[in-house]
Structures are given as structure tokens and as C-alpha cells.
């Protein structure tokens, strides 16, 4: 993760399936566990995770335009934690259903 960040990205995440997510922002790293879920189908789990991250970062004002970019540049792990938790919830819901069937916002 450190090597990837040295190439420029402020935020790096590694998904590890049932072992959760490793995240690093500005040199601060954390592990985020997933919750137990009855897995029906893993199709769409990664896409669902990323849509959760992106929507969470957008809602937090950490994406979108120069202002969002500046806020992300100053963000801490505490700032991005809700987006990662949303992403984990999205992927958990997706794998609990057959097919690539991600959750809608009202399901989160």
C-alpha cells in the first residue's frame, strides 16, 4: 500500500473478501473487518463495494470538484471510515443475494 501511495494516490484500499479491507490514507492505515453474512453469490461484490466507497466519499464531501479534492487531501482515517463501512455493508448485502443485485440507498 505504501508503494502505491508513493505513486500519488491519497487513499488506497485492498479488499480481502471475508477478511475485510485494509485502508491507508496519508500514511495512516487501518483494518476494517466484515460482518458474518450468509454468502449466496459473490458476483458483483467488488462493484458493490466500490459504489459504496464512492457514494460515501461523495456524501462526505471528499469527492467532486476542486473543493472535494482538497478535502480528500486533508482527510484522515476518521473522515473516510463511514465510506468504508458503507462499502462493506453494500458488498455484504450483495453477496447475500443471488446475482449481481446491489442494495439501494434505502437498504443501507
N, C-alpha and C. Protein backbone atom coordinates (compact mmCIF):
# COMPACT_ATOMS: atom_id res chain seq x y z
N UNK A 1 0.83 -1.18 0.00
CA UNK A 1 0.00 0.00 0.00
C UNK A 1 0.87 1.25 0.00
N UNK A 2 1.96 1.19 0.76
CA UNK A 2 2.86 2.35 0.81
C UNK A 2 3.46 2.65 -0.56
N UNK A 3 3.80 1.60 -1.29
CA UNK A 3 4.36 1.82 -2.64
C UNK A 3 3.33 2.45 -3.57
N UNK A 4 2.09 1.98 -3.48
CA UNK A 4 1.06 2.59 -4.31
C UNK A 4 0.88 4.05 -3.94
N UNK A 5 0.85 4.35 -2.64
CA UNK A 5 0.67 5.74 -2.24
C UNK A 5 1.85 6.60 -2.67
N UNK A 6 3.03 6.04 -2.70
CA UNK A 6 4.20 6.79 -3.16
C UNK A 6 4.06 7.20 -4.63
N UNK A 7 3.21 6.50 -5.36
CA UNK A 7 2.96 6.85 -6.75
C UNK A 7 1.94 7.97 -6.90
N UNK A 8 1.29 8.37 -5.79
CA UNK A 8 0.40 9.52 -5.86
C UNK A 8 -0.97 9.42 -5.23
N UNK A 9 -1.62 8.24 -5.19
CA UNK A 9 -2.96 8.23 -4.62
C UNK A 9 -2.96 8.55 -3.13
N UNK A 10 -3.91 9.36 -2.72
CA UNK A 10 -4.05 9.71 -1.30
C UNK A 10 -4.66 8.55 -0.52
N UNK A 11 -5.60 7.85 -1.13
CA UNK A 11 -6.34 6.78 -0.47
C UNK A 11 -6.12 5.47 -1.23
N UNK A 12 -5.72 4.44 -0.50
CA UNK A 12 -5.53 3.11 -1.08
C UNK A 12 -6.30 2.12 -0.23
N UNK A 13 -7.02 1.21 -0.88
CA UNK A 13 -7.75 0.16 -0.18
C UNK A 13 -7.48 -1.18 -0.84
N UNK A 14 -7.38 -2.21 -0.02
CA UNK A 14 -7.23 -3.57 -0.51
C UNK A 14 -8.37 -4.38 0.09
N UNK A 15 -9.23 -4.92 -0.77
CA UNK A 15 -10.32 -5.77 -0.28
C UNK A 15 -9.79 -7.18 -0.16
N UNK A 16 -10.25 -7.86 0.88
CA UNK A 16 -9.76 -9.21 1.17
C UNK A 16 -10.91 -10.19 1.41
N UNK A 17 -12.00 -10.00 0.69
CA UNK A 17 -13.14 -10.90 0.80
C UNK A 17 -13.65 -10.97 2.23
N UNK A 18 -13.78 -12.17 2.77
CA UNK A 18 -14.34 -12.31 4.12
C UNK A 18 -13.42 -11.76 5.22
N UNK A 19 -12.19 -11.40 4.86
CA UNK A 19 -11.26 -10.85 5.85
C UNK A 19 -11.35 -9.33 5.95
N UNK A 20 -12.24 -8.73 5.20
CA UNK A 20 -12.45 -7.29 5.30
C UNK A 20 -11.58 -6.48 4.36
N UNK A 21 -11.18 -5.30 4.83
CA UNK A 21 -10.49 -4.32 3.99
C UNK A 21 -9.31 -3.72 4.75
N UNK A 22 -8.23 -3.52 4.04
CA UNK A 22 -7.12 -2.73 4.54
C UNK A 22 -7.21 -1.38 3.84
N UNK A 23 -7.07 -0.31 4.60
CA UNK A 23 -7.14 1.02 4.02
C UNK A 23 -5.98 1.86 4.53
N UNK A 24 -5.50 2.74 3.68
CA UNK A 24 -4.44 3.65 4.06
C UNK A 24 -4.73 5.02 3.45
N UNK A 25 -4.64 6.04 4.27
CA UNK A 25 -4.80 7.41 3.80
C UNK A 25 -3.75 8.26 4.48
N UNK A 26 -2.96 8.93 3.67
CA UNK A 26 -1.93 9.80 4.21
C UNK A 26 -0.97 9.11 5.17
N UNK A 27 -0.67 7.85 4.92
CA UNK A 27 0.25 7.11 5.78
C UNK A 27 -0.39 6.46 6.99
N UNK A 28 -1.65 6.75 7.25
CA UNK A 28 -2.39 6.14 8.37
C UNK A 28 -3.13 4.92 7.82
N UNK A 29 -2.91 3.76 8.44
CA UNK A 29 -3.52 2.52 7.96
C UNK A 29 -4.47 1.94 9.00
N UNK A 30 -5.47 1.20 8.51
CA UNK A 30 -6.41 0.54 9.40
C UNK A 30 -7.00 -0.68 8.70
N UNK A 31 -7.43 -1.63 9.52
CA UNK A 31 -8.16 -2.79 9.02
C UNK A 31 -9.62 -2.63 9.38
N UNK A 32 -10.48 -3.02 8.47
CA UNK A 32 -11.91 -2.97 8.69
C UNK A 32 -12.46 -4.38 8.49
N UNK A 33 -12.95 -5.00 9.53
CA UNK A 33 -13.48 -6.36 9.38
C UNK A 33 -14.85 -6.34 8.73
N UNK A 34 -15.18 -7.43 8.13
CA UNK A 34 -16.54 -7.59 7.61
C UNK A 34 -17.36 -8.32 8.67
N UNK A 35 -18.64 -8.26 8.54
CA UNK A 35 -19.51 -8.98 9.47
C UNK A 35 -19.86 -10.34 8.86
N UNK A 36 -20.28 -11.25 9.71
CA UNK A 36 -20.70 -12.55 9.22
C UNK A 36 -21.94 -12.38 8.35
N UNK A 37 -21.91 -13.01 7.21
CA UNK A 37 -23.04 -12.95 6.29
C UNK A 37 -23.15 -14.30 5.59
N UNK A 38 -24.37 -14.73 5.35
CA UNK A 38 -24.60 -15.97 4.60
C UNK A 38 -24.39 -15.64 3.12
N UNK A 39 -23.33 -16.18 2.55
CA UNK A 39 -22.99 -15.90 1.16
C UNK A 39 -23.81 -16.79 0.23
N UNK A 40 -24.54 -16.13 -0.66
CA UNK A 40 -25.34 -16.82 -1.67
C UNK A 40 -24.61 -16.78 -3.01
N UNK A 41 -24.03 -15.61 -3.35
CA UNK A 41 -23.40 -15.42 -4.66
C UNK A 41 -22.44 -14.24 -4.53
N UNK A 42 -21.21 -14.41 -4.98
CA UNK A 42 -20.22 -13.33 -4.86
C UNK A 42 -20.18 -12.40 -6.08
N UNK A 43 -20.98 -12.69 -7.10
CA UNK A 43 -20.99 -11.85 -8.29
C UNK A 43 -21.43 -10.44 -7.92
N UNK A 44 -20.63 -9.47 -8.28
CA UNK A 44 -20.98 -8.08 -8.04
C UNK A 44 -20.47 -7.52 -6.72
N UNK A 45 -19.83 -8.33 -5.90
CA UNK A 45 -19.38 -7.85 -4.58
C UNK A 45 -18.38 -6.71 -4.70
N UNK A 46 -17.42 -6.83 -5.59
CA UNK A 46 -16.41 -5.78 -5.75
C UNK A 46 -16.99 -4.49 -6.29
N UNK A 47 -17.85 -4.61 -7.29
CA UNK A 47 -18.50 -3.42 -7.84
C UNK A 47 -19.37 -2.74 -6.79
N UNK A 48 -20.06 -3.54 -6.01
CA UNK A 48 -20.91 -3.01 -4.96
C UNK A 48 -20.06 -2.29 -3.90
N UNK A 49 -18.93 -2.90 -3.55
CA UNK A 49 -18.02 -2.26 -2.59
C UNK A 49 -17.59 -0.90 -3.10
N UNK A 50 -17.14 -0.84 -4.35
CA UNK A 50 -16.66 0.44 -4.90
C UNK A 50 -17.77 1.48 -4.99
N UNK A 51 -18.98 1.06 -5.34
CA UNK A 51 -20.06 2.04 -5.39
C UNK A 51 -20.36 2.58 -3.99
N UNK A 52 -20.22 1.73 -2.98
CA UNK A 52 -20.39 2.19 -1.60
C UNK A 52 -19.32 3.18 -1.19
N UNK A 53 -18.07 2.91 -1.56
CA UNK A 53 -16.97 3.83 -1.25
C UNK A 53 -17.21 5.18 -1.93
N UNK A 54 -17.49 5.13 -3.23
CA UNK A 54 -17.66 6.38 -3.98
C UNK A 54 -18.83 7.18 -3.45
N UNK A 55 -19.97 6.54 -3.22
CA UNK A 55 -21.13 7.29 -2.72
C UNK A 55 -20.86 7.82 -1.31
N UNK A 56 -20.14 7.05 -0.49
CA UNK A 56 -19.80 7.51 0.85
C UNK A 56 -18.86 8.70 0.83
N UNK A 57 -17.86 8.66 -0.04
CA UNK A 57 -16.93 9.79 -0.16
C UNK A 57 -17.62 11.02 -0.72
N UNK A 58 -18.53 10.81 -1.68
CA UNK A 58 -19.30 11.95 -2.21
C UNK A 58 -20.17 12.58 -1.13
N UNK A 59 -20.88 11.74 -0.37
CA UNK A 59 -21.74 12.26 0.69
C UNK A 59 -20.94 13.00 1.76
N UNK A 60 -19.69 12.58 1.98
CA UNK A 60 -18.84 13.24 2.96
C UNK A 60 -18.16 14.49 2.41
N UNK A 61 -18.38 14.79 1.14
CA UNK A 61 -17.77 15.96 0.52
C UNK A 61 -16.31 15.76 0.18
N UNK A 62 -15.88 14.50 0.07
CA UNK A 62 -14.47 14.21 -0.19
C UNK A 62 -14.18 13.90 -1.66
N UNK A 63 -15.18 14.03 -2.50
CA UNK A 63 -15.03 13.89 -3.95
C UNK A 63 -15.86 14.98 -4.61
N UNK A 64 -15.55 15.24 -5.86
CA UNK A 64 -16.35 16.20 -6.62
C UNK A 64 -15.73 17.58 -6.64
N UNK A 65 -15.14 17.93 -7.74
CA UNK A 65 -14.59 19.25 -7.91
C UNK A 65 -13.31 19.48 -7.12
N UNK A 66 -12.78 20.67 -7.26
CA UNK A 66 -11.53 21.03 -6.59
C UNK A 66 -11.68 21.08 -5.07
N UNK A 67 -12.86 21.49 -4.60
CA UNK A 67 -13.09 21.56 -3.16
C UNK A 67 -13.06 20.16 -2.53
N UNK A 68 -13.71 19.21 -3.18
CA UNK A 68 -13.70 17.84 -2.69
C UNK A 68 -12.30 17.25 -2.71
N UNK A 69 -11.58 17.54 -3.77
CA UNK A 69 -10.20 17.06 -3.88
C UNK A 69 -9.34 17.62 -2.75
N UNK A 70 -9.52 18.88 -2.42
CA UNK A 70 -8.76 19.49 -1.32
C UNK A 70 -9.14 18.87 0.02
N UNK A 71 -10.43 18.59 0.21
CA UNK A 71 -10.86 17.95 1.47
C UNK A 71 -10.30 16.53 1.58
N UNK A 72 -10.27 15.78 0.47
CA UNK A 72 -9.70 14.44 0.50
C UNK A 72 -8.20 14.51 0.80
N UNK A 73 -7.52 15.51 0.28
CA UNK A 73 -6.08 15.66 0.53
C UNK A 73 -5.79 15.87 2.01
N UNK A 74 -6.75 16.41 2.74
CA UNK A 74 -6.56 16.66 4.18
C UNK A 74 -7.29 15.64 5.05
N UNK A 75 -7.96 14.68 4.44
CA UNK A 75 -8.78 13.74 5.19
C UNK A 75 -7.95 12.77 6.02
N UNK A 76 -8.56 12.31 7.10
CA UNK A 76 -7.96 11.31 7.98
C UNK A 76 -8.76 10.01 7.88
N UNK A 77 -8.28 9.01 8.56
CA UNK A 77 -8.99 7.73 8.59
C UNK A 77 -10.39 7.92 9.16
N UNK A 78 -10.52 8.76 10.18
CA UNK A 78 -11.85 9.01 10.76
C UNK A 78 -12.80 9.61 9.73
N UNK A 79 -12.29 10.41 8.81
CA UNK A 79 -13.13 11.03 7.78
C UNK A 79 -13.63 10.02 6.76
N UNK A 80 -12.82 9.01 6.44
CA UNK A 80 -13.21 8.06 5.41
C UNK A 80 -13.87 6.80 5.97
N UNK A 81 -13.80 6.61 7.28
CA UNK A 81 -14.37 5.42 7.91
C UNK A 81 -15.84 5.18 7.52
N UNK A 82 -16.70 6.19 7.55
CA UNK A 82 -18.10 5.93 7.16
C UNK A 82 -18.25 5.42 5.73
N UNK A 83 -17.42 5.91 4.82
CA UNK A 83 -17.50 5.44 3.43
C UNK A 83 -17.08 3.98 3.32
N UNK A 84 -16.05 3.59 4.06
CA UNK A 84 -15.60 2.20 4.03
C UNK A 84 -16.65 1.30 4.69
N UNK A 85 -17.24 1.75 5.77
CA UNK A 85 -18.28 0.96 6.42
C UNK A 85 -19.50 0.82 5.51
N UNK A 86 -19.85 1.86 4.77
CA UNK A 86 -20.94 1.76 3.80
C UNK A 86 -20.59 0.76 2.71
N UNK A 87 -19.35 0.81 2.24
CA UNK A 87 -18.92 -0.10 1.18
C UNK A 87 -19.00 -1.55 1.64
N UNK A 88 -18.58 -1.80 2.87
CA UNK A 88 -18.68 -3.16 3.41
C UNK A 88 -20.13 -3.61 3.52
N UNK A 89 -21.00 -2.71 3.95
CA UNK A 89 -22.43 -3.03 4.04
C UNK A 89 -22.99 -3.34 2.65
N UNK A 90 -22.61 -2.55 1.65
CA UNK A 90 -23.07 -2.79 0.29
C UNK A 90 -22.65 -4.16 -0.21
N UNK A 91 -21.39 -4.50 -0.02
CA UNK A 91 -20.93 -5.80 -0.52
C UNK A 91 -21.54 -6.94 0.27
N UNK A 92 -21.76 -6.76 1.57
CA UNK A 92 -22.41 -7.81 2.36
C UNK A 92 -23.83 -8.08 1.87
N UNK A 93 -24.55 -7.04 1.59
CA UNK A 93 -25.91 -7.22 1.07
C UNK A 93 -25.87 -7.90 -0.29
N UNK A 94 -24.95 -7.48 -1.15
CA UNK A 94 -24.86 -8.05 -2.49
C UNK A 94 -24.58 -9.54 -2.45
N UNK A 95 -23.63 -9.98 -1.61
CA UNK A 95 -23.29 -11.41 -1.58
C UNK A 95 -24.37 -12.25 -0.92
N UNK A 96 -25.28 -11.61 -0.21
CA UNK A 96 -26.36 -12.35 0.46
C UNK A 96 -27.51 -12.65 -0.49
N UNK A 97 -27.41 -12.17 -1.74
CA UNK A 97 -28.47 -12.37 -2.73
C UNK A 97 -27.92 -13.04 -3.98
N UNK A 98 -28.78 -13.66 -4.73
CA UNK A 98 -28.38 -14.28 -5.99
C UNK A 98 -28.17 -13.22 -7.06
N UNK A 99 -27.13 -13.39 -7.86
CA UNK A 99 -26.85 -12.48 -8.96
C UNK A 99 -26.23 -11.19 -8.50
N UNK A 100 -25.88 -10.37 -9.47
CA UNK A 100 -25.32 -9.05 -9.18
C UNK A 100 -26.48 -8.12 -8.82
N UNK A 101 -26.85 -8.11 -7.55
CA UNK A 101 -28.04 -7.40 -7.08
C UNK A 101 -27.65 -6.49 -5.93
N UNK A 102 -27.05 -5.32 -6.22
CA UNK A 102 -26.59 -4.44 -5.15
C UNK A 102 -27.75 -3.78 -4.40
N UNK A 103 -27.48 -3.30 -3.21
CA UNK A 103 -28.53 -2.65 -2.44
C UNK A 103 -28.86 -1.27 -2.98
N UNK A 104 -30.05 -0.84 -2.66
CA UNK A 104 -30.43 0.55 -2.92
C UNK A 104 -30.11 1.35 -1.67
N UNK A 105 -29.99 2.63 -1.82
CA UNK A 105 -29.60 3.51 -0.71
C UNK A 105 -30.48 3.29 0.51
N UNK A 106 -31.78 3.12 0.30
CA UNK A 106 -32.69 2.98 1.45
C UNK A 106 -32.49 1.66 2.20
N UNK A 107 -31.75 0.71 1.62
CA UNK A 107 -31.48 -0.55 2.29
C UNK A 107 -30.27 -0.47 3.23
N UNK A 108 -29.51 0.58 3.13
CA UNK A 108 -28.27 0.69 3.93
C UNK A 108 -28.50 1.23 5.31
